[in-house]
Amino acid sequence: MSWVLYILIVLLVAGLYRLVRGPLLEDRLLALNVIAVLIILIMSYHAIAYGQSFYLDIALVYALLSFGDILAFVKISYIPSIISKDEKREDEE
């Protein structure tokens, strides 16, 4: 293995730590996004190092799916909080 792969794996472990121990929802969301990017980088490195281009196709599909997952997670988690904040403002007025 190359030193690049070792660095990516160390960063992946750090992202997993932040995903588990993140005090806020935003920290966990950012850690999830970083982990997705690191997995894409690992697959791309593997495709370049071994000359197997289908790993790049898999990385591209994974990138598109992870972007959609992040958008869905944000929509699900933040819309109820926005609605409850608006209701609190109406009650205060």
PDB file of N, CA and C in Angstrom:
ATOM      1  N   MET A   1       0.835  -1.186   0.000  1.00  0.00           N
ATOM      2  CA  MET A   1       0.000   0.000   0.000  1.00  0.00           C
ATOM      3  C   MET A   1       0.875   1.242   0.000  1.00  0.00           C
ATOM      4  N   SER A   2       0.327   2.258  -0.564  1.00  0.00           N
ATOM      5  CA  SER A   2       1.041   3.519  -0.657  1.00  0.00           C
ATOM      6  C   SER A   2       0.746   4.380   0.573  1.00  0.00           C
ATOM      7  N   TRP A   3       1.580   5.381   0.789  1.00  0.00           N
ATOM      8  CA  TRP A   3       1.386   6.276   1.922  1.00  0.00           C
ATOM      9  C   TRP A   3       0.119   7.106   1.741  1.00  0.00           C
ATOM     10  N   VAL A   4      -0.318   7.315   0.518  1.00  0.00           N
ATOM     11  CA  VAL A   4      -1.560   8.062   0.270  1.00  0.00           C
ATOM     12  C   VAL A   4      -2.748   7.296   0.832  1.00  0.00           C
ATOM     13  N   LEU A   5      -2.756   5.998   0.611  1.00  0.00           N
ATOM     14  CA  LEU A   5      -3.849   5.175   1.109  1.00  0.00           C
ATOM     15  C   LEU A   5      -3.867   5.137   2.632  1.00  0.00           C
ATOM     16  N   TYR A   6      -2.690   5.096   3.256  1.00  0.00           N
ATOM     17  CA  TYR A   6      -2.626   5.135   4.719  1.00  0.00           C
ATOM     18  C   TYR A   6      -3.198   6.440   5.268  1.00  0.00           C
ATOM     19  N   ILE A   7      -2.876   7.545   4.620  1.00  0.00           N
ATOM     20  CA  ILE A   7      -3.403   8.844   5.064  1.00  0.00           C
ATOM     21  C   ILE A   7      -4.921   8.889   4.911  1.00  0.00           C
ATOM     22  N   LEU A   8      -5.438   8.371   3.802  1.00  0.00           N
ATOM     23  CA  LEU A   8      -6.890   8.361   3.599  1.00  0.00           C
ATOM     24  C   LEU A   8      -7.593   7.489   4.630  1.00  0.00           C
ATOM     25  N   ILE A   9      -6.982   6.380   4.996  1.00  0.00           N
ATOM     26  CA  ILE A   9      -7.592   5.504   6.002  1.00  0.00           C
ATOM     27  C   ILE A   9      -7.581   6.163   7.375  1.00  0.00           C
ATOM     28  N   VAL A  10      -6.502   6.858   7.718  1.00  0.00           N
ATOM     29  CA  VAL A  10      -6.449   7.575   9.003  1.00  0.00           C
ATOM     30  C   VAL A  10      -7.521   8.660   9.042  1.00  0.00           C
ATOM     31  N   LEU A  11      -7.684   9.382   7.943  1.00  0.00           N
ATOM     32  CA  LEU A  11      -8.724  10.409   7.890  1.00  0.00           C
ATOM     33  C   LEU A  11     -10.120   9.793   7.960  1.00  0.00           C
ATOM     34  N   LEU A  12     -10.297   8.605   7.380  1.00  0.00           N
ATOM     35  CA  LEU A  12     -11.575   7.913   7.455  1.00  0.00           C
ATOM     36  C   LEU A  12     -11.904   7.520   8.889  1.00  0.00           C
ATOM     37  N   VAL A  13     -10.919   7.053   9.612  1.00  0.00           N
ATOM     38  CA  VAL A  13     -11.134   6.703  11.025  1.00  0.00           C
ATOM     39  C   VAL A  13     -11.472   7.949  11.844  1.00  0.00           C
ATOM     40  N   ALA A  14     -10.812   9.071  11.553  1.00  0.00           N
ATOM     41  CA  ALA A  14     -11.130  10.318  12.252  1.00  0.00           C
ATOM     42  C   ALA A  14     -12.551  10.771  11.939  1.00  0.00           C
ATOM     43  N   GLY A  15     -12.976  10.596  10.700  1.00  0.00           N
ATOM     44  CA  GLY A  15     -14.351  10.935  10.344  1.00  0.00           C
ATOM     45  C   GLY A  15     -15.363  10.039  11.032  1.00  0.00           C
ATOM     46  N   LEU A  16     -15.054   8.758  11.151  1.00  0.00           N
ATOM     47  CA  LEU A  16     -15.940   7.843  11.870  1.00  0.00           C
ATOM     48  C   LEU A  16     -16.049   8.213  13.345  1.00  0.00           C
ATOM     49  N   TYR A  17     -14.931   8.645  13.918  1.00  0.00           N
ATOM     50  CA  TYR A  17     -14.961   9.089  15.319  1.00  0.00           C
ATOM     51  C   TYR A  17     -15.891  10.290  15.473  1.00  0.00           C
ATOM     52  N   ARG A  18     -15.795  11.263  14.574  1.00  0.00           N
ATOM     53  CA  ARG A  18     -16.647  12.452  14.664  1.00  0.00           C
ATOM     54  C   ARG A  18     -18.100  12.096  14.396  1.00  0.00           C
ATOM     55  N   LEU A  19     -18.338  11.095  13.540  1.00  0.00           N
ATOM     56  CA  LEU A  19     -19.704  10.672  13.266  1.00  0.00           C
ATOM     57  C   LEU A  19     -20.352  10.071  14.511  1.00  0.00           C
ATOM     58  N   VAL A  20     -19.584   9.323  15.263  1.00  0.00           N
ATOM     59  CA  VAL A  20     -20.130   8.686  16.463  1.00  0.00           C
ATOM     60  C   VAL A  20     -20.202   9.666  17.629  1.00  0.00           C
ATOM     61  N   ARG A  21     -19.165  10.480  17.831  1.00  0.00           N
ATOM     62  CA  ARG A  21     -19.072  11.339  19.000  1.00  0.00           C
ATOM     63  C   ARG A  21     -19.526  12.775  18.766  1.00  0.00           C
ATOM     64  N   GLY A  22     -19.981  13.103  17.556  1.00  0.00           N
ATOM     65  CA  GLY A  22     -20.351  14.480  17.262  1.00  0.00           C
ATOM     66  C   GLY A  22     -21.439  14.986  18.184  1.00  0.00           C
ATOM     67  N   PRO A  23     -21.200  16.115  18.841  1.00  0.00           N
ATOM     68  CA  PRO A  23     -22.214  16.594  19.778  1.00  0.00           C
ATOM     69  C   PRO A  23     -23.446  17.157  19.076  1.00  0.00           C
ATOM     70  N   LEU A  24     -23.288  17.690  17.890  1.00  0.00           N
ATOM     71  CA  LEU A  24     -24.412  18.297  17.189  1.00  0.00           C
ATOM     72  C   LEU A  24     -24.755  17.501  15.937  1.00  0.00           C
ATOM     73  N   LEU A  25     -25.965  17.708  15.468  1.00  0.00           N
ATOM     74  CA  LEU A  25     -26.408  17.064  14.247  1.00  0.00           C
ATOM     75  C   LEU A  25     -25.586  17.544  13.055  1.00  0.00           C
ATOM     76  N   GLU A  26     -25.210  18.808  13.062  1.00  0.00           N
ATOM     77  CA  GLU A  26     -24.416  19.358  11.962  1.00  0.00           C
ATOM     78  C   GLU A  26     -23.035  18.718  11.895  1.00  0.00           C
ATOM     79  N   ASP A  27     -22.441  18.421  13.046  1.00  0.00           N
ATOM     80  CA  ASP A  27     -21.141  17.740  13.076  1.00  0.00           C
ATOM     81  C   ASP A  27     -21.237  16.354  12.457  1.00  0.00           C
ATOM     82  N   ARG A  28     -22.298  15.648  12.778  1.00  0.00           N
ATOM     83  CA  ARG A  28     -22.475  14.310  12.238  1.00  0.00           C
ATOM     84  C   ARG A  28     -22.748  14.341  10.744  1.00  0.00           C
ATOM     85  N   LEU A  29     -23.498  15.333  10.305  1.00  0.00           N
ATOM     86  CA  LEU A  29     -23.773  15.472   8.884  1.00  0.00           C
ATOM     87  C   LEU A  29     -22.500  15.779   8.104  1.00  0.00           C
ATOM     88  N   LEU A  30     -21.680  16.657   8.630  1.00  0.00           N
ATOM     89  CA  LEU A  30     -20.415  16.981   7.978  1.00  0.00           C
ATOM     90  C   LEU A  30     -19.478  15.775   7.974  1.00  0.00           C
ATOM     91  N   ALA A  31     -19.444  15.017   9.061  1.00  0.00           N
ATOM     92  CA  ALA A  31     -18.612  13.822   9.122  1.00  0.00           C
ATOM     93  C   ALA A  31     -19.074  12.781   8.109  1.00  0.00           C
ATOM     94  N   LEU A  32     -20.377  12.654   7.937  1.00  0.00           N
ATOM     95  CA  LEU A  32     -20.908  11.711   6.953  1.00  0.00           C
ATOM     96  C   LEU A  32     -20.504  12.113   5.544  1.00  0.00           C
ATOM     97  N   ASN A  33     -20.527  13.396   5.265  1.00  0.00           N
ATOM     98  CA  ASN A  33     -20.122  13.892   3.960  1.00  0.00           C
ATOM     99  C   ASN A  33     -18.621  13.680   3.732  1.00  0.00           C
ATOM    100  N   VAL A  34     -17.807  13.911   4.756  1.00  0.00           N
ATOM    101  CA  VAL A  34     -16.360  13.696   4.642  1.00  0.00           C
ATOM    102  C   VAL A  34     -16.045  12.221   4.415  1.00  0.00           C
ATOM    103  N   ILE A  35     -16.749  11.347   5.101  1.00  0.00           N
ATOM    104  CA  ILE A  35     -16.538   9.908   4.925  1.00  0.00           C
ATOM    105  C   ILE A  35     -16.878   9.496   3.495  1.00  0.00           C
ATOM    106  N   ALA A  36     -17.949  10.035   2.947  1.00  0.00           N
ATOM    107  CA  ALA A  36     -18.324   9.713   1.571  1.00  0.00           C
ATOM    108  C   ALA A  36     -17.245  10.167   0.597  1.00  0.00           C
ATOM    109  N   VAL A  37     -16.705  11.357   0.801  1.00  0.00           N
ATOM    110  CA  VAL A  37     -15.646  11.860  -0.077  1.00  0.00           C
ATOM    111  C   VAL A  37     -14.395  10.992   0.044  1.00  0.00           C
ATOM    112  N   LEU A  38     -14.047  10.590   1.247  1.00  0.00           N
ATOM    113  CA  LEU A  38     -12.863   9.756   1.435  1.00  0.00           C
ATOM    114  C   LEU A  38     -13.023   8.381   0.798  1.00  0.00           C
ATOM    115  N   ILE A  39     -14.217   7.819   0.862  1.00  0.00           N
ATOM    116  CA  ILE A  39     -14.464   6.537   0.210  1.00  0.00           C
ATOM    117  C   ILE A  39     -14.339   6.676  -1.304  1.00  0.00           C
ATOM    118  N   ILE A  40     -14.839   7.782  -1.841  1.00  0.00           N
ATOM    119  CA  ILE A  40     -14.701   8.040  -3.273  1.00  0.00           C
ATOM    120  C   ILE A  40     -13.230   8.181  -3.646  1.00  0.00           C
ATOM    121  N   LEU A  41     -12.452   8.867  -2.825  1.00  0.00           N
ATOM    122  CA  LEU A  41     -11.025   9.010  -3.095  1.00  0.00           C
ATOM    123  C   LEU A  41     -10.294   7.670  -3.033  1.00  0.00           C
ATOM    124  N   ILE A  42     -10.660   6.825  -2.090  1.00  0.00           N
ATOM    125  CA  ILE A  42     -10.032   5.505  -1.985  1.00  0.00           C
ATOM    126  C   ILE A  42     -10.349   4.653  -3.217  1.00  0.00           C
ATOM    127  N   MET A  43     -11.602   4.702  -3.664  1.00  0.00           N
ATOM    128  CA  MET A  43     -11.960   3.941  -4.861  1.00  0.00           C
ATOM    129  C   MET A  43     -11.244   4.487  -6.097  1.00  0.00           C
ATOM    130  N   SER A  44     -11.120   5.800  -6.184  1.00  0.00           N
ATOM    131  CA  SER A  44     -10.421   6.402  -7.327  1.00  0.00           C
ATOM    132  C   SER A  44      -8.935   6.054  -7.302  1.00  0.00           C
ATOM    133  N   TYR A  45      -8.340   6.087  -6.124  1.00  0.00           N
ATOM    134  CA  TYR A  45      -6.933   5.695  -6.010  1.00  0.00           C
ATOM    135  C   TYR A  45      -6.731   4.245  -6.436  1.00  0.00           C
ATOM    136  N   HIS A  46      -7.635   3.390  -6.002  1.00  0.00           N
ATOM    137  CA  HIS A  46      -7.537   1.975  -6.357  1.00  0.00           C
ATOM    138  C   HIS A  46      -7.669   1.783  -7.872  1.00  0.00           C
ATOM    139  N   ALA A  47      -8.562   2.548  -8.497  1.00  0.00           N
ATOM    140  CA  ALA A  47      -8.742   2.444  -9.947  1.00  0.00           C
ATOM    141  C   ALA A  47      -7.491   2.884 -10.693  1.00  0.00           C
ATOM    142  N   ILE A  48      -6.861   3.943 -10.216  1.00  0.00           N
ATOM    143  CA  ILE A  48      -5.654   4.432 -10.878  1.00  0.00           C
ATOM    144  C   ILE A  48      -4.467   3.503 -10.622  1.00  0.00           C
ATOM    145  N   ALA A  49      -4.329   3.028  -9.395  1.00  0.00           N
ATOM    146  CA  ALA A  49      -3.177   2.205  -9.035  1.00  0.00           C
ATOM    147  C   ALA A  49      -3.186   0.855  -9.744  1.00  0.00           C
ATOM    148  N   TYR A  50      -4.357   0.263  -9.919  1.00  0.00           N
ATOM    149  CA  TYR A  50      -4.430  -1.069 -10.509  1.00  0.00           C
ATOM    150  C   TYR A  50      -4.961  -1.074 -11.940  1.00  0.00           C
ATOM    151  N   GLY A  51      -5.283   0.108 -12.469  1.00  0.00           N
ATOM    152  CA  GLY A  51      -5.722   0.198 -13.858  1.00  0.00           C
ATOM    153  C   GLY A  51      -7.080  -0.420 -14.132  1.00  0.00           C
ATOM    154  N   GLN A  52      -7.961  -0.395 -13.171  1.00  0.00           N
ATOM    155  CA  GLN A  52      -9.302  -0.957 -13.329  1.00  0.00           C
ATOM    156  C   GLN A  52     -10.309   0.188 -13.317  1.00  0.00           C
ATOM    157  N   SER A  53     -10.803   0.521 -14.489  1.00  0.00           N
ATOM    158  CA  SER A  53     -11.619   1.721 -14.626  1.00  0.00           C
ATOM    159  C   SER A  53     -13.034   1.567 -14.074  1.00  0.00           C
ATOM    160  N   PHE A  54     -13.500   0.356 -13.845  1.00  0.00           N
ATOM    161  CA  PHE A  54     -14.864   0.218 -13.344  1.00  0.00           C
ATOM    162  C   PHE A  54     -15.002   0.737 -11.910  1.00  0.00           C
ATOM    163  N   TYR A  55     -13.891   0.850 -11.186  1.00  0.00           N
ATOM    164  CA  TYR A  55     -13.960   1.461  -9.854  1.00  0.00           C
ATOM    165  C   TYR A  55     -14.301   2.943  -9.948  1.00  0.00           C
ATOM    166  N   LEU A  56     -13.895   3.589 -11.026  1.00  0.00           N
ATOM    167  CA  LEU A  56     -14.274   4.992 -11.222  1.00  0.00           C
ATOM    168  C   LEU A  56     -15.768   5.124 -11.478  1.00  0.00           C
ATOM    169  N   ASP A  57     -16.345   4.162 -12.192  1.00  0.00           N
ATOM    170  CA  ASP A  57     -17.790   4.176 -12.399  1.00  0.00           C
ATOM    171  C   ASP A  57     -18.534   3.998 -11.078  1.00  0.00           C
ATOM    172  N   ILE A  58     -18.042   3.095 -10.266  1.00  0.00           N
ATOM    173  CA  ILE A  58     -18.653   2.868  -8.958  1.00  0.00           C
ATOM    174  C   ILE A  58     -18.513   4.109  -8.087  1.00  0.00           C
ATOM    175  N   ALA A  59     -17.356   4.757  -8.137  1.00  0.00           N
ATOM    176  CA  ALA A  59     -17.138   5.973  -7.356  1.00  0.00           C
ATOM    177  C   ALA A  59     -18.078   7.091  -7.796  1.00  0.00           C
ATOM    178  N   LEU A  60     -18.320   7.203  -9.093  1.00  0.00           N
ATOM    179  CA  LEU A  60     -19.220   8.232  -9.597  1.00  0.00           C
ATOM    180  C   LEU A  60     -20.651   7.985  -9.137  1.00  0.00           C
ATOM    181  N   VAL A  61     -21.098   6.754  -9.219  1.00  0.00           N
ATOM    182  CA  VAL A  61     -22.452   6.420  -8.750  1.00  0.00           C
ATOM    183  C   VAL A  61     -22.562   6.653  -7.250  1.00  0.00           C
ATOM    184  N   TYR A  62     -21.528   6.278  -6.512  1.00  0.00           N
ATOM    185  CA  TYR A  62     -21.541   6.489  -5.061  1.00  0.00           C
ATOM    186  C   TYR A  62     -21.579   7.981  -4.720  1.00  0.00           C
ATOM    187  N   ALA A  63     -20.881   8.795  -5.489  1.00  0.00           N
ATOM    188  CA  ALA A  63     -20.894  10.240  -5.259  1.00  0.00           C
ATOM    189  C   ALA A  63     -22.295  10.813  -5.472  1.00  0.00           C
ATOM    190  N   LEU A  64     -22.956  10.378  -6.517  1.00  0.00           N
ATOM    191  CA  LEU A  64     -24.310  10.860  -6.778  1.00  0.00           C
ATOM    192  C   LEU A  64     -25.284  10.409  -5.692  1.00  0.00           C
ATOM    193  N   LEU A  65     -25.155   9.170  -5.260  1.00  0.00           N
ATOM    194  CA  LEU A  65     -26.044   8.669  -4.212  1.00  0.00           C
ATOM    195  C   LEU A  65     -25.784   9.340  -2.866  1.00  0.00           C
ATOM    196  N   SER A  66     -24.533   9.587  -2.547  1.00  0.00           N
ATOM    197  CA  SER A  66     -24.234  10.227  -1.262  1.00  0.00           C
ATOM    198  C   SER A  66     -24.720  11.673  -1.248  1.00  0.00           C
ATOM    199  N   PHE A  67     -24.655  12.356  -2.400  1.00  0.00           N
ATOM    200  CA  PHE A  67     -25.191  13.713  -2.471  1.00  0.00           C
ATOM    201  C   PHE A  67     -26.704  13.693  -2.232  1.00  0.00           C
ATOM    202  N   GLY A  68     -27.388  12.747  -2.836  1.00  0.00           N
ATOM    203  CA  GLY A  68     -28.833  12.628  -2.614  1.00  0.00           C
ATOM    204  C   GLY A  68     -29.166  12.266  -1.182  1.00  0.00           C
ATOM    205  N   ASP A  69     -28.354  11.420  -0.572  1.00  0.00           N
ATOM    206  CA  ASP A  69     -28.580  11.063   0.834  1.00  0.00           C
ATOM    207  C   ASP A  69     -28.439  12.269   1.750  1.00  0.00           C
ATOM    208  N   ILE A  70     -27.433  13.098   1.490  1.00  0.00           N
ATOM    209  CA  ILE A  70     -27.231  14.291   2.312  1.00  0.00           C
ATOM    210  C   ILE A  70     -28.416  15.243   2.172  1.00  0.00           C
ATOM    211  N   LEU A  71     -28.882  15.435   0.942  1.00  0.00           N
ATOM    212  CA  LEU A  71     -30.036  16.316   0.733  1.00  0.00           C
ATOM    213  C   LEU A  71     -31.283  15.788   1.431  1.00  0.00           C
ATOM    214  N   ALA A  72     -31.530  14.494   1.335  1.00  0.00           N
ATOM    215  CA  ALA A  72     -32.690  13.909   2.001  1.00  0.00           C
ATOM    216  C   ALA A  72     -32.573  14.022   3.513  1.00  0.00           C
ATOM    217  N   PHE A  73     -31.387  13.795   4.043  1.00  0.00           N
ATOM    218  CA  PHE A  73     -31.184  13.888   5.483  1.00  0.00           C
ATOM    219  C   PHE A  73     -31.423  15.308   5.981  1.00  0.00           C
ATOM    220  N   VAL A  74     -30.932  16.288   5.233  1.00  0.00           N
ATOM    221  CA  VAL A  74     -31.129  17.683   5.625  1.00  0.00           C
ATOM    222  C   VAL A  74     -32.605  18.046   5.569  1.00  0.00           C
ATOM    223  N   LYS A  75     -33.287  17.618   4.526  1.00  0.00           N
ATOM    224  CA  LYS A  75     -34.707  17.945   4.395  1.00  0.00           C
ATOM    225  C   LYS A  75     -35.524  17.321   5.517  1.00  0.00           C
ATOM    226  N   ILE A  76     -35.235  16.091   5.835  1.00  0.00           N
ATOM    227  CA  ILE A  76     -35.990  15.415   6.885  1.00  0.00           C
ATOM    228  C   ILE A  76     -35.695  16.008   8.261  1.00  0.00           C
ATOM    229  N   SER A  77     -34.451  16.349   8.525  1.00  0.00           N
ATOM    230  CA  SER A  77     -34.094  16.771   9.874  1.00  0.00           C
ATOM    231  C   SER A  77     -34.341  18.250  10.141  1.00  0.00           C
ATOM    232  N   TYR A  78     -34.311  19.099   9.130  1.00  0.00           N
ATOM    233  CA  TYR A  78     -34.417  20.524   9.386  1.00  0.00           C
ATOM    234  C   TYR A  78     -35.805  21.098   9.168  1.00  0.00           C
ATOM    235  N   ILE A  79     -36.648  20.501   8.372  1.00  0.00           N
ATOM    236  CA  ILE A  79     -37.982  21.064   8.152  1.00  0.00           C
ATOM    237  C   ILE A  79     -38.812  21.034   9.431  1.00  0.00           C
ATOM    238  N   PRO A  80     -38.837  19.950  10.190  1.00  0.00           N
ATOM    239  CA  PRO A  80     -39.603  20.012  11.447  1.00  0.00           C
ATOM    240  C   PRO A  80     -39.057  21.058  12.418  1.00  0.00           C
ATOM    241  N   SER A  81     -37.748  21.263  12.445  1.00  0.00           N
ATOM    242  CA  SER A  81     -37.208  22.264  13.361  1.00  0.00           C
ATOM    243  C   SER A  81     -37.560  23.665  12.906  1.00  0.00           C
ATOM    244  N   ILE A  82     -37.621  23.906  11.598  1.00  0.00           N
ATOM    245  CA  ILE A  82     -38.020  25.221  11.102  1.00  0.00           C
ATOM    246  C   ILE A  82     -39.485  25.469  11.412  1.00  0.00           C
ATOM    247  N   ILE A  83     -40.321  24.464  11.243  1.00  0.00           N
ATOM    248  CA  ILE A  83     -41.749  24.626  11.536  1.00  0.00           C
ATOM    249  C   ILE A  83     -41.947  24.919  13.012  1.00  0.00           C
ATOM    250  N   SER A  84     -41.247  24.221  13.880  1.00  0.00           N
ATOM    251  CA  SER A  84     -41.420  24.459  15.316  1.00  0.00           C
ATOM    252  C   SER A  84     -40.904  25.840  15.704  1.00  0.00           C
ATOM    253  N   LYS A  85     -39.845  26.340  15.051  1.00  0.00           N
ATOM    254  CA  LYS A  85     -39.361  27.689  15.341  1.00  0.00           C
ATOM    255  C   LYS A  85     -40.375  28.729  14.895  1.00  0.00           C
ATOM    256  N   ASP A  86     -41.017  28.500  13.736  1.00  0.00           N
ATOM    257  CA  ASP A  86     -42.034  29.443  13.255  1.00  0.00           C
ATOM    258  C   ASP A  86     -43.239  29.455  14.188  1.00  0.00           C
ATOM    259  N   GLU A  87     -43.617  28.302  14.700  1.00  0.00           N
ATOM    260  CA  GLU A  87     -44.751  28.235  15.630  1.00  0.00           C
ATOM    261  C   GLU A  87     -44.426  28.959  16.923  1.00  0.00           C
ATOM    262  N   LYS A  88     -43.188  28.849  17.395  1.00  0.00           N
ATOM    263  CA  LYS A  88     -42.784  29.540  18.612  1.00  0.00           C
ATOM    264  C   LYS A  88     -42.826  31.051  18.407  1.00  0.00           C
ATOM    265  N   ARG A  89     -42.399  31.524  17.246  1.00  0.00           N
ATOM    266  CA  ARG A  89     -42.446  32.953  16.956  1.00  0.00           C
ATOM    267  C   ARG A  89     -43.873  33.462  16.914  1.00  0.00           C
ATOM    268  N   GLU A  90     -44.790  32.692  16.335  1.00  0.00           N
ATOM    269  CA  GLU A  90     -46.196  33.105  16.275  1.00  0.00           C
ATOM    270  C   GLU A  90     -46.805  33.150  17.672  1.00  0.00           C
ATOM    271  N   ASP A  91     -46.410  32.200  18.526  1.00  0.00           N
ATOM    272  CA  ASP A  91     -46.919  32.188  19.898  1.00  0.00           C
ATOM    273  C   ASP A  91     -46.408  33.394  20.690  1.00  0.00           C
ATOM    274  N   GLU A  92     -45.181  33.817  20.421  1.00  0.00           N
ATOM    275  CA  GLU A  92     -44.620  34.950  21.145  1.00  0.00           C
ATOM    276  C   GLU A  92     -45.276  36.261  20.728  1.00  0.00           C
ATOM    277  N   GLU A  93     -45.712  36.332  19.488  1.00  0.00           N
ATOM    278  CA  GLU A  93     -46.347  37.561  19.009  1.00  0.00           C
ATOM    279  C   GLU A  93     -47.753  37.605  19.487  1.00  0.00           C
TER     280      GLU A  93
END
